[in-house]
Amino acid sequence: ENDFLTKVLNGMAFAGFVSERGPPFRAC
């Protein structure tokens, strides 16, 4: 029911975050 976090997760910035930080093998 948290509207703020739902909007954050639906945003383009979070999609970019997932595509950048999602790979399991990358520089930490």
mmCIF file of all heavy atoms, coordinates in Angstrom:
data_MODEL
# 
_entry.id   MODEL 
# 
loop_
_atom_site.group_PDB 
_atom_site.id 
_atom_site.type_symbol 
_atom_site.label_atom_id 
_atom_site.label_alt_id 
_atom_site.label_comp_id 
_atom_site.label_asym_id 
_atom_site.label_entity_id 
_atom_site.label_seq_id 
_atom_site.pdbx_PDB_ins_code 
_atom_site.Cartn_x 
_atom_site.Cartn_y 
_atom_site.Cartn_z 
_atom_site.occupancy 
_atom_site.B_iso_or_equiv 
_atom_site.pdbx_formal_charge 
_atom_site.auth_seq_id 
_atom_site.auth_comp_id 
_atom_site.auth_asym_id 
_atom_site.auth_atom_id 
_atom_site.pdbx_PDB_model_num 
ATOM 1   N N   . GLU A 1 1  ? 0.808  -1.215  0.000   1.00 0.00 ? 1  GLU A N   1 
ATOM 2   C CA  . GLU A 1 1  ? 0.000  0.000   0.000   1.00 0.00 ? 1  GLU A CA  1 
ATOM 3   C C   . GLU A 1 1  ? 0.846  1.273   0.000   1.00 0.00 ? 1  GLU A C   1 
ATOM 4   O O   . GLU A 1 1  ? 0.296  2.372   -0.003  1.00 0.00 ? 1  GLU A O   1 
ATOM 5   C CB  . GLU A 1 1  ? -0.921 0.008   1.233   1.00 0.00 ? 1  GLU A CB  1 
ATOM 6   C CG  . GLU A 1 1  ? -1.880 -1.150  1.286   1.00 0.00 ? 1  GLU A CG  1 
ATOM 7   C CD  . GLU A 1 1  ? -2.869 -1.134  0.126   1.00 0.00 ? 1  GLU A CD  1 
ATOM 8   O OE1 . GLU A 1 1  ? -3.328 -0.044  -0.264  1.00 0.00 ? 1  GLU A OE1 1 
ATOM 9   O OE2 . GLU A 1 1  ? -3.177 -2.222  -0.381  1.00 0.00 ? 1  GLU A OE2 1 
ATOM 10  N N   . ASN A 1 2  ? 2.166  1.158   -0.006  1.00 0.00 ? 2  ASN A N   1 
ATOM 11  C CA  . ASN A 1 2  ? 3.042  2.325   0.037   1.00 0.00 ? 2  ASN A CA  1 
ATOM 12  C C   . ASN A 1 2  ? 3.099  2.968   -1.344  1.00 0.00 ? 2  ASN A C   1 
ATOM 13  O O   . ASN A 1 2  ? 3.724  2.456   -2.264  1.00 0.00 ? 2  ASN A O   1 
ATOM 14  C CB  . ASN A 1 2  ? 4.444  1.921   0.504   1.00 0.00 ? 2  ASN A CB  1 
ATOM 15  C CG  . ASN A 1 2  ? 5.324  3.117   0.749   1.00 0.00 ? 2  ASN A CG  1 
ATOM 16  O OD1 . ASN A 1 2  ? 5.412  4.026   -0.067  1.00 0.00 ? 2  ASN A OD1 1 
ATOM 17  N ND2 . ASN A 1 2  ? 5.998  3.094   1.882   1.00 0.00 ? 2  ASN A ND2 1 
ATOM 18  N N   . ASP A 1 3  ? 2.434  4.098   -1.483  1.00 0.00 ? 3  ASP A N   1 
ATOM 19  C CA  . ASP A 1 3  ? 2.317  4.777   -2.769  1.00 0.00 ? 3  ASP A CA  1 
ATOM 20  C C   . ASP A 1 3  ? 3.665  5.310   -3.257  1.00 0.00 ? 3  ASP A C   1 
ATOM 21  O O   . ASP A 1 3  ? 3.985  5.230   -4.438  1.00 0.00 ? 3  ASP A O   1 
ATOM 22  C CB  . ASP A 1 3  ? 1.303  5.919   -2.646  1.00 0.00 ? 3  ASP A CB  1 
ATOM 23  C CG  . ASP A 1 3  ? 0.883  6.457   -3.994  1.00 0.00 ? 3  ASP A CG  1 
ATOM 24  O OD1 . ASP A 1 3  ? 0.730  5.639   -4.930  1.00 0.00 ? 3  ASP A OD1 1 
ATOM 25  O OD2 . ASP A 1 3  ? 0.713  7.693   -4.119  1.00 0.00 ? 3  ASP A OD2 1 
ATOM 26  N N   . PHE A 1 4  ? 4.462  5.852   -2.330  1.00 0.00 ? 4  PHE A N   1 
ATOM 27  C CA  . PHE A 1 4  ? 5.758  6.424   -2.719  1.00 0.00 ? 4  PHE A CA  1 
ATOM 28  C C   . PHE A 1 4  ? 6.674  5.376   -3.333  1.00 0.00 ? 4  PHE A C   1 
ATOM 29  O O   . PHE A 1 4  ? 7.198  5.565   -4.431  1.00 0.00 ? 4  PHE A O   1 
ATOM 30  C CB  . PHE A 1 4  ? 6.442  7.078   -1.505  1.00 0.00 ? 4  PHE A CB  1 
ATOM 31  C CG  . PHE A 1 4  ? 7.852  7.508   -1.794  1.00 0.00 ? 4  PHE A CG  1 
ATOM 32  C CD1 . PHE A 1 4  ? 8.100  8.622   -2.576  1.00 0.00 ? 4  PHE A CD1 1 
ATOM 33  C CD2 . PHE A 1 4  ? 8.937  6.792   -1.293  1.00 0.00 ? 4  PHE A CD2 1 
ATOM 34  C CE1 . PHE A 1 4  ? 9.396  9.024   -2.851  1.00 0.00 ? 4  PHE A CE1 1 
ATOM 35  C CE2 . PHE A 1 4  ? 10.232 7.180   -1.565  1.00 0.00 ? 4  PHE A CE2 1 
ATOM 36  C CZ  . PHE A 1 4  ? 10.460 8.301   -2.344  1.00 0.00 ? 4  PHE A CZ  1 
ATOM 37  N N   . LEU A 1 5  ? 6.876  4.257   -2.621  1.00 0.00 ? 5  LEU A N   1 
ATOM 38  C CA  . LEU A 1 5  ? 7.789  3.234   -3.117  1.00 0.00 ? 5  LEU A CA  1 
ATOM 39  C C   . LEU A 1 5  ? 7.257  2.589   -4.401  1.00 0.00 ? 5  LEU A C   1 
ATOM 40  O O   . LEU A 1 5  ? 8.037  2.268   -5.299  1.00 0.00 ? 5  LEU A O   1 
ATOM 41  C CB  . LEU A 1 5  ? 8.054  2.171   -2.042  1.00 0.00 ? 5  LEU A CB  1 
ATOM 42  C CG  . LEU A 1 5  ? 9.249  1.261   -2.282  1.00 0.00 ? 5  LEU A CG  1 
ATOM 43  C CD1 . LEU A 1 5  ? 10.523 2.052   -2.536  1.00 0.00 ? 5  LEU A CD1 1 
ATOM 44  C CD2 . LEU A 1 5  ? 9.456  0.327   -1.107  1.00 0.00 ? 5  LEU A CD2 1 
ATOM 45  N N   . THR A 1 6  ? 5.958  2.455   -4.525  1.00 0.00 ? 6  THR A N   1 
ATOM 46  C CA  . THR A 1 6  ? 5.370  1.916   -5.754  1.00 0.00 ? 6  THR A CA  1 
ATOM 47  C C   . THR A 1 6  ? 5.693  2.829   -6.933  1.00 0.00 ? 6  THR A C   1 
ATOM 48  O O   . THR A 1 6  ? 6.069  2.355   -8.006  1.00 0.00 ? 6  THR A O   1 
ATOM 49  C CB  . THR A 1 6  ? 3.843  1.764   -5.608  1.00 0.00 ? 6  THR A CB  1 
ATOM 50  O OG1 . THR A 1 6  ? 3.580  0.926   -4.488  1.00 0.00 ? 6  THR A OG1 1 
ATOM 51  C CG2 . THR A 1 6  ? 3.230  1.159   -6.852  1.00 0.00 ? 6  THR A CG2 1 
ATOM 52  N N   . LYS A 1 7  ? 5.570  4.135   -6.742  1.00 0.00 ? 7  LYS A N   1 
ATOM 53  C CA  . LYS A 1 7  ? 5.892  5.090   -7.810  1.00 0.00 ? 7  LYS A CA  1 
ATOM 54  C C   . LYS A 1 7  ? 7.382  5.076   -8.132  1.00 0.00 ? 7  LYS A C   1 
ATOM 55  O O   . LYS A 1 7  ? 7.772  5.194   -9.297  1.00 0.00 ? 7  LYS A O   1 
ATOM 56  C CB  . LYS A 1 7  ? 5.437  6.493   -7.428  1.00 0.00 ? 7  LYS A CB  1 
ATOM 57  C CG  . LYS A 1 7  ? 3.935  6.653   -7.499  1.00 0.00 ? 7  LYS A CG  1 
ATOM 58  C CD  . LYS A 1 7  ? 3.507  8.052   -7.145  1.00 0.00 ? 7  LYS A CD  1 
ATOM 59  C CE  . LYS A 1 7  ? 1.997  8.161   -7.235  1.00 0.00 ? 7  LYS A CE  1 
ATOM 60  N NZ  . LYS A 1 7  ? 1.511  9.505   -6.915  1.00 0.00 ? 7  LYS A NZ  1 
ATOM 61  N N   . VAL A 1 8  ? 8.226  4.925   -7.131  1.00 0.00 ? 8  VAL A N   1 
ATOM 62  C CA  . VAL A 1 8  ? 9.672  4.843   -7.365  1.00 0.00 ? 8  VAL A CA  1 
ATOM 63  C C   . VAL A 1 8  ? 9.993  3.617   -8.216  1.00 0.00 ? 8  VAL A C   1 
ATOM 64  O O   . VAL A 1 8  ? 10.754 3.691   -9.181  1.00 0.00 ? 8  VAL A O   1 
ATOM 65  C CB  . VAL A 1 8  ? 10.461 4.801   -6.040  1.00 0.00 ? 8  VAL A CB  1 
ATOM 66  C CG1 . VAL A 1 8  ? 11.912 4.435   -6.262  1.00 0.00 ? 8  VAL A CG1 1 
ATOM 67  C CG2 . VAL A 1 8  ? 10.364 6.138   -5.325  1.00 0.00 ? 8  VAL A CG2 1 
ATOM 68  N N   . LEU A 1 9  ? 9.400  2.469   -7.868  1.00 0.00 ? 9  LEU A N   1 
ATOM 69  C CA  . LEU A 1 9  ? 9.675  1.229   -8.597  1.00 0.00 ? 9  LEU A CA  1 
ATOM 70  C C   . LEU A 1 9  ? 9.117  1.250   -10.015 1.00 0.00 ? 9  LEU A C   1 
ATOM 71  O O   . LEU A 1 9  ? 9.629  0.545   -10.892 1.00 0.00 ? 9  LEU A O   1 
ATOM 72  C CB  . LEU A 1 9  ? 9.111  0.028   -7.837  1.00 0.00 ? 9  LEU A CB  1 
ATOM 73  C CG  . LEU A 1 9  ? 9.710  -0.245  -6.460  1.00 0.00 ? 9  LEU A CG  1 
ATOM 74  C CD1 . LEU A 1 9  ? 9.038  -1.445  -5.825  1.00 0.00 ? 9  LEU A CD1 1 
ATOM 75  C CD2 . LEU A 1 9  ? 11.202 -0.432  -6.517  1.00 0.00 ? 9  LEU A CD2 1 
ATOM 76  N N   . ASN A 1 10 ? 8.072  2.040   -10.270 1.00 0.00 ? 10 ASN A N   1 
ATOM 77  C CA  . ASN A 1 10 ? 7.494  2.130   -11.607 1.00 0.00 ? 10 ASN A CA  1 
ATOM 78  C C   . ASN A 1 10 ? 8.180  3.176   -12.481 1.00 0.00 ? 10 ASN A C   1 
ATOM 79  O O   . ASN A 1 10 ? 7.875  3.269   -13.661 1.00 0.00 ? 10 ASN A O   1 
ATOM 80  C CB  . ASN A 1 10 ? 5.991  2.450   -11.528 1.00 0.00 ? 10 ASN A CB  1 
ATOM 81  C CG  . ASN A 1 10 ? 5.201  1.272   -11.022 1.00 0.00 ? 10 ASN A CG  1 
ATOM 82  O OD1 . ASN A 1 10 ? 5.567  0.123   -11.239 1.00 0.00 ? 10 ASN A OD1 1 
ATOM 83  N ND2 . ASN A 1 10 ? 4.116  1.550   -10.330 1.00 0.00 ? 10 ASN A ND2 1 
ATOM 84  N N   . GLY A 1 11 ? 9.094  3.942   -11.932 1.00 0.00 ? 11 GLY A N   1 
ATOM 85  C CA  . GLY A 1 11 ? 9.746  5.022   -12.668 1.00 0.00 ? 11 GLY A CA  1 
ATOM 86  C C   . GLY A 1 11 ? 10.845 4.542   -13.601 1.00 0.00 ? 11 GLY A C   1 
ATOM 87  O O   . GLY A 1 11 ? 11.373 3.426   -13.488 1.00 0.00 ? 11 GLY A O   1 
ATOM 88  N N   . MET A 1 12 ? 11.181 5.407   -14.547 1.00 0.00 ? 12 MET A N   1 
ATOM 89  C CA  . MET A 1 12 ? 12.241 5.092   -15.514 1.00 0.00 ? 12 MET A CA  1 
ATOM 90  C C   . MET A 1 12 ? 13.606 5.012   -14.840 1.00 0.00 ? 12 MET A C   1 
ATOM 91  O O   . MET A 1 12 ? 14.460 4.235   -15.252 1.00 0.00 ? 12 MET A O   1 
ATOM 92  C CB  . MET A 1 12 ? 12.270 6.149   -16.616 1.00 0.00 ? 12 MET A CB  1 
ATOM 93  C CG  . MET A 1 12 ? 11.125 6.032   -17.588 1.00 0.00 ? 12 MET A CG  1 
ATOM 94  S SD  . MET A 1 12 ? 11.116 7.325   -18.838 1.00 0.00 ? 12 MET A SD  1 
ATOM 95  C CE  . MET A 1 12 ? 12.700 7.156   -19.597 1.00 0.00 ? 12 MET A CE  1 
ATOM 96  N N   . ALA A 1 13 ? 13.825 5.819   -13.812 1.00 0.00 ? 13 ALA A N   1 
ATOM 97  C CA  . ALA A 1 13 ? 15.111 5.799   -13.121 1.00 0.00 ? 13 ALA A CA  1 
ATOM 98  C C   . ALA A 1 13 ? 15.353 4.430   -12.487 1.00 0.00 ? 13 ALA A C   1 
ATOM 99  O O   . ALA A 1 13 ? 16.475 3.911   -12.520 1.00 0.00 ? 13 ALA A O   1 
ATOM 100 C CB  . ALA A 1 13 ? 15.166 6.886   -12.059 1.00 0.00 ? 13 ALA A CB  1 
ATOM 101 N N   . PHE A 1 14 ? 14.299 3.829   -11.930 1.00 0.00 ? 14 PHE A N   1 
ATOM 102 C CA  . PHE A 1 14 ? 14.473 2.512   -11.318 1.00 0.00 ? 14 PHE A CA  1 
ATOM 103 C C   . PHE A 1 14 ? 14.709 1.449   -12.392 1.00 0.00 ? 14 PHE A C   1 
ATOM 104 O O   . PHE A 1 14 ? 15.477 0.522   -12.181 1.00 0.00 ? 14 PHE A O   1 
ATOM 105 C CB  . PHE A 1 14 ? 13.274 2.132   -10.447 1.00 0.00 ? 14 PHE A CB  1 
ATOM 106 C CG  . PHE A 1 14 ? 13.507 0.856   -9.690  1.00 0.00 ? 14 PHE A CG  1 
ATOM 107 C CD1 . PHE A 1 14 ? 14.348 0.837   -8.592  1.00 0.00 ? 14 PHE A CD1 1 
ATOM 108 C CD2 . PHE A 1 14 ? 12.913 -0.329  -10.082 1.00 0.00 ? 14 PHE A CD2 1 
ATOM 109 C CE1 . PHE A 1 14 ? 14.591 -0.335  -7.900  1.00 0.00 ? 14 PHE A CE1 1 
ATOM 110 C CE2 . PHE A 1 14 ? 13.145 -1.509  -9.391  1.00 0.00 ? 14 PHE A CE2 1 
ATOM 111 C CZ  . PHE A 1 14 ? 13.990 -1.510  -8.298  1.00 0.00 ? 14 PHE A CZ  1 
ATOM 112 N N   . ALA A 1 15 ? 14.062 1.594   -13.552 1.00 0.00 ? 15 ALA A N   1 
ATOM 113 C CA  . ALA A 1 15 ? 14.311 0.653   -14.659 1.00 0.00 ? 15 ALA A CA  1 
ATOM 114 C C   . ALA A 1 15 ? 15.774 0.724   -15.085 1.00 0.00 ? 15 ALA A C   1 
ATOM 115 O O   . ALA A 1 15 ? 16.414 -0.304  -15.334 1.00 0.00 ? 15 ALA A O   1 
ATOM 116 C CB  . ALA A 1 15 ? 13.385 0.963   -15.830 1.00 0.00 ? 15 ALA A CB  1 
ATOM 117 N N   . GLY A 1 16 ? 16.319 1.927   -15.141 1.00 0.00 ? 16 GLY A N   1 
ATOM 118 C CA  . GLY A 1 16 ? 17.744 2.083   -15.447 1.00 0.00 ? 16 GLY A CA  1 
ATOM 119 C C   . GLY A 1 16 ? 18.614 1.496   -14.358 1.00 0.00 ? 16 GLY A C   1 
ATOM 120 O O   . GLY A 1 16 ? 19.662 0.891   -14.630 1.00 0.00 ? 16 GLY A O   1 
ATOM 121 N N   . PHE A 1 17 ? 18.200 1.676   -13.106 1.00 0.00 ? 17 PHE A N   1 
ATOM 122 C CA  . PHE A 1 17 ? 18.918 1.106   -11.966 1.00 0.00 ? 17 PHE A CA  1 
ATOM 123 C C   . PHE A 1 17 ? 18.992 -0.416  -12.090 1.00 0.00 ? 17 PHE A C   1 
ATOM 124 O O   . PHE A 1 17 ? 20.049 -1.009  -11.915 1.00 0.00 ? 17 PHE A O   1 
ATOM 125 C CB  . PHE A 1 17 ? 18.194 1.517   -10.675 1.00 0.00 ? 17 PHE A CB  1 
ATOM 126 C CG  . PHE A 1 17 ? 18.697 0.854   -9.432  1.00 0.00 ? 17 PHE A CG  1 
ATOM 127 C CD1 . PHE A 1 17 ? 19.807 1.342   -8.773  1.00 0.00 ? 17 PHE A CD1 1 
ATOM 128 C CD2 . PHE A 1 17 ? 18.046 -0.254  -8.902  1.00 0.00 ? 17 PHE A CD2 1 
ATOM 129 C CE1 . PHE A 1 17 ? 20.273 0.738   -7.618  1.00 0.00 ? 17 PHE A CE1 1 
ATOM 130 C CE2 . PHE A 1 17 ? 18.497 -0.862  -7.749  1.00 0.00 ? 17 PHE A CE2 1 
ATOM 131 C CZ  . PHE A 1 17 ? 19.616 -0.360  -7.101  1.00 0.00 ? 17 PHE A CZ  1 
ATOM 132 N N   . VAL A 1 18 ? 17.867 -1.049  -12.427 1.00 0.00 ? 18 VAL A N   1 
ATOM 133 C CA  . VAL A 1 18 ? 17.822 -2.513  -12.550 1.00 0.00 ? 18 VAL A CA  1 
ATOM 134 C C   . VAL A 1 18 ? 18.700 -2.976  -13.713 1.00 0.00 ? 18 VAL A C   1 
ATOM 135 O O   . VAL A 1 18 ? 19.454 -3.946  -13.585 1.00 0.00 ? 18 VAL A O   1 
ATOM 136 C CB  . VAL A 1 18 ? 16.367 -3.014  -12.719 1.00 0.00 ? 18 VAL A CB  1 
ATOM 137 C CG1 . VAL A 1 18 ? 16.323 -4.474  -13.145 1.00 0.00 ? 18 VAL A CG1 1 
ATOM 138 C CG2 . VAL A 1 18 ? 15.607 -2.825  -11.426 1.00 0.00 ? 18 VAL A CG2 1 
ATOM 139 N N   . SER A 1 19 ? 18.634 -2.277  -14.840 1.00 0.00 ? 19 SER A N   1 
ATOM 140 C CA  . SER A 1 19 ? 19.439 -2.715  -15.982 1.00 0.00 ? 19 SER A CA  1 
ATOM 141 C C   . SER A 1 19 ? 20.923 -2.511  -15.726 1.00 0.00 ? 19 SER A C   1 
ATOM 142 O O   . SER A 1 19 ? 21.753 -3.301  -16.188 1.00 0.00 ? 19 SER A O   1 
ATOM 143 C CB  . SER A 1 19 ? 19.008 -1.994  -17.260 1.00 0.00 ? 19 SER A CB  1 
ATOM 144 O OG  . SER A 1 19 ? 19.273 -0.619  -17.165 1.00 0.00 ? 19 SER A OG  1 
ATOM 145 N N   . GLU A 1 20 ? 21.286 -1.490  -14.965 1.00 0.00 ? 20 GLU A N   1 
ATOM 146 C CA  . GLU A 1 20 ? 22.695 -1.233  -14.676 1.00 0.00 ? 20 GLU A CA  1 
ATOM 147 C C   . GLU A 1 20 ? 23.225 -2.117  -13.559 1.00 0.00 ? 20 GLU A C   1 
ATOM 148 O O   . GLU A 1 20 ? 24.322 -2.652  -13.633 1.00 0.00 ? 20 GLU A O   1 
ATOM 149 C CB  . GLU A 1 20 ? 22.871 0.239   -14.294 1.00 0.00 ? 20 GLU A CB  1 
ATOM 150 C CG  . GLU A 1 20 ? 24.293 0.628   -14.004 1.00 0.00 ? 20 GLU A CG  1 
ATOM 151 C CD  . GLU A 1 20 ? 24.407 2.075   -13.560 1.00 0.00 ? 20 GLU A CD  1 
ATOM 152 O OE1 . GLU A 1 20 ? 23.752 2.938   -14.173 1.00 0.00 ? 20 GLU A OE1 1 
ATOM 153 O OE2 . GLU A 1 20 ? 25.143 2.331   -12.588 1.00 0.00 ? 20 GLU A OE2 1 
ATOM 154 N N   . ARG A 1 21 ? 22.447 -2.280  -12.499 1.00 0.00 ? 21 ARG A N   1 
ATOM 155 C CA  . ARG A 1 21 ? 22.914 -3.005  -11.317 1.00 0.00 ? 21 ARG A CA  1 
ATOM 156 C C   . ARG A 1 21 ? 22.422 -4.441  -11.237 1.00 0.00 ? 21 ARG A C   1 
ATOM 157 O O   . ARG A 1 21 ? 22.779 -5.150  -10.322 1.00 0.00 ? 21 ARG A O   1 
ATOM 158 C CB  . ARG A 1 21 ? 22.476 -2.258  -10.063 1.00 0.00 ? 21 ARG A CB  1 
ATOM 159 C CG  . ARG A 1 21 ? 23.098 -0.890  -10.004 1.00 0.00 ? 21 ARG A CG  1 
ATOM 160 C CD  . ARG A 1 21 ? 23.152 -0.406  -8.596  1.00 0.00 ? 21 ARG A CD  1 
ATOM 161 N NE  . ARG A 1 21 ? 24.045 0.713   -8.516  1.00 0.00 ? 21 ARG A NE  1 
ATOM 162 C CZ  . ARG A 1 21 ? 25.313 0.624   -8.131  1.00 0.00 ? 21 ARG A CZ  1 
ATOM 163 N NH1 . ARG A 1 21 ? 25.832 -0.522  -7.797  1.00 0.00 ? 21 ARG A NH1 1 
ATOM 164 N NH2 . ARG A 1 21 ? 26.060 1.692   -8.076  1.00 0.00 ? 21 ARG A NH2 1 
ATOM 165 N N   . GLY A 1 22 ? 21.604 -4.850  -12.177 1.00 0.00 ? 22 GLY A N   1 
ATOM 166 C CA  . GLY A 1 22 ? 21.037 -6.185  -12.143 1.00 0.00 ? 22 GLY A CA  1 
ATOM 167 C C   . GLY A 1 22 ? 21.981 -7.317  -12.486 1.00 0.00 ? 22 GLY A C   1 
ATOM 168 O O   . GLY A 1 22 ? 21.872 -8.397  -11.902 1.00 0.00 ? 22 GLY A O   1 
ATOM 169 N N   . PRO A 1 23 ? 22.912 -7.119  -13.439 1.00 0.00 ? 23 PRO A N   1 
ATOM 170 C CA  . PRO A 1 23 ? 23.769 -8.249  -13.813 1.00 0.00 ? 23 PRO A CA  1 
ATOM 171 C C   . PRO A 1 23 ? 24.513 -8.831  -12.605 1.00 0.00 ? 23 PRO A C   1 
ATOM 172 O O   . PRO A 1 23 ? 25.014 -8.079  -11.769 1.00 0.00 ? 23 PRO A O   1 
ATOM 173 C CB  . PRO A 1 23 ? 24.753 -7.636  -14.813 1.00 0.00 ? 23 PRO A CB  1 
ATOM 174 C CG  . PRO A 1 23 ? 24.030 -6.469  -15.373 1.00 0.00 ? 23 PRO A CG  1 
ATOM 175 C CD  . PRO A 1 23 ? 23.181 -5.947  -14.257 1.00 0.00 ? 23 PRO A CD  1 
ATOM 176 N N   . PRO A 1 24 ? 24.576 -10.151 -12.524 1.00 0.00 ? 24 PRO A N   1 
ATOM 177 C CA  . PRO A 1 24 ? 25.210 -10.775 -11.362 1.00 0.00 ? 24 PRO A CA  1 
ATOM 178 C C   . PRO A 1 24 ? 26.734 -10.692 -11.378 1.00 0.00 ? 24 PRO A C   1 
ATOM 179 O O   . PRO A 1 24 ? 27.365 -10.928 -10.364 1.00 0.00 ? 24 PRO A O   1 
ATOM 180 C CB  . PRO A 1 24 ? 24.749 -12.234 -11.449 1.00 0.00 ? 24 PRO A CB  1 
ATOM 181 C CG  . PRO A 1 24 ? 24.418 -12.431 -12.880 1.00 0.00 ? 24 PRO A CG  1 
ATOM 182 C CD  . PRO A 1 24 ? 23.954 -11.124 -13.418 1.00 0.00 ? 24 PRO A CD  1 
ATOM 183 N N   . PHE A 1 25 ? 27.326 -10.333 -12.530 1.00 0.00 ? 25 PHE A N   1 
ATOM 184 C CA  . PHE A 1 25 ? 28.778 -10.262 -12.620 1.00 0.00 ? 25 PHE A CA  1 
ATOM 185 C C   . PHE A 1 25 ? 29.149 -8.895  -13.194 1.00 0.00 ? 25 PHE A C   1 
ATOM 186 O O   . PHE A 1 25 ? 29.000 -8.636  -14.378 1.00 0.00 ? 25 PHE A O   1 
ATOM 187 C CB  . PHE A 1 25 ? 29.311 -11.384 -13.522 1.00 0.00 ? 25 PHE A CB  1 
ATOM 188 C CG  . PHE A 1 25 ? 30.807 -11.486 -13.525 1.00 0.00 ? 25 PHE A CG  1 
ATOM 189 C CD1 . PHE A 1 25 ? 31.473 -12.013 -12.440 1.00 0.00 ? 25 PHE A CD1 1 
ATOM 190 C CD2 . PHE A 1 25 ? 31.540 -11.034 -14.607 1.00 0.00 ? 25 PHE A CD2 1 
ATOM 191 C CE1 . PHE A 1 25 ? 32.855 -12.107 -12.439 1.00 0.00 ? 25 PHE A CE1 1 
ATOM 192 C CE2 . PHE A 1 25 ? 32.919 -11.131 -14.609 1.00 0.00 ? 25 PHE A CE2 1 
ATOM 193 C CZ  . PHE A 1 25 ? 33.577 -11.667 -13.529 1.00 0.00 ? 25 PHE A CZ  1 
ATOM 194 N N   . ARG A 1 26 ? 29.590 -8.014  -12.334 1.00 0.00 ? 26 ARG A N   1 
ATOM 195 C CA  . ARG A 1 26 ? 29.987 -6.662  -12.733 1.00 0.00 ? 26 ARG A CA  1 
ATOM 196 C C   . ARG A 1 26 ? 30.874 -6.069  -11.647 1.00 0.00 ? 26 ARG A C   1 
ATOM 197 O O   . ARG A 1 26 ? 31.087 -6.686  -10.600 1.00 0.00 ? 26 ARG A O   1 
ATOM 198 C CB  . ARG A 1 26 ? 28.755 -5.787  -12.966 1.00 0.00 ? 26 ARG A CB  1 
ATOM 199 C CG  . ARG A 1 26 ? 27.921 -5.595  -11.734 1.00 0.00 ? 26 ARG A CG  1 
ATOM 200 C CD  . ARG A 1 26 ? 26.808 -4.579  -11.962 1.00 0.00 ? 26 ARG A CD  1 
ATOM 201 N NE  . ARG A 1 26 ? 25.870 -4.604  -10.868 1.00 0.00 ? 26 ARG A NE  1 
ATOM 202 C CZ  . ARG A 1 26 ? 26.080 -4.065  -9.671  1.00 0.00 ? 26 ARG A CZ  1 
ATOM 203 N NH1 . ARG A 1 26 ? 27.204 -3.460  -9.417  1.00 0.00 ? 26 ARG A NH1 1 
ATOM 204 N NH2 . ARG A 1 26 ? 25.167 -4.138  -8.721  1.00 0.00 ? 26 ARG A NH2 1 
ATOM 205 N N   . ALA A 1 27 ? 31.370 -4.862  -11.884 1.00 0.00 ? 27 ALA A N   1 
ATOM 206 C CA  . ALA A 1 27 ? 32.191 -4.188  -10.882 1.00 0.00 ? 27 ALA A CA  1 
ATOM 207 C C   . ALA A 1 27 ? 31.299 -3.747  -9.719  1.00 0.00 ? 27 ALA A C   1 
ATOM 208 O O   . ALA A 1 27 ? 30.242 -3.169  -9.930  1.00 0.00 ? 27 ALA A O   1 
ATOM 209 C CB  . ALA A 1 27 ? 32.880 -2.978  -11.506 1.00 0.00 ? 27 ALA A CB  1 
ATOM 210 N N   . CYS A 1 28 ? 31.705 -4.063  -8.501  1.00 0.00 ? 28 CYS A N   1 
ATOM 211 C CA  . CYS A 1 28 ? 30.939 -3.700  -7.306  1.00 0.00 ? 28 CYS A CA  1 
ATOM 212 C C   . CYS A 1 28 ? 31.425 -2.349  -6.768  1.00 0.00 ? 28 CYS A C   1 
ATOM 213 O O   . CYS A 1 28 ? 32.557 -1.949  -7.012  1.00 0.00 ? 28 CYS A O   1 
ATOM 214 C CB  . CYS A 1 28 ? 31.104 -4.754  -6.225  1.00 0.00 ? 28 CYS A CB  1 
ATOM 215 S SG  . CYS A 1 28 ? 30.369 -6.324  -6.686  1.00 0.00 ? 28 CYS A SG  1 
# 
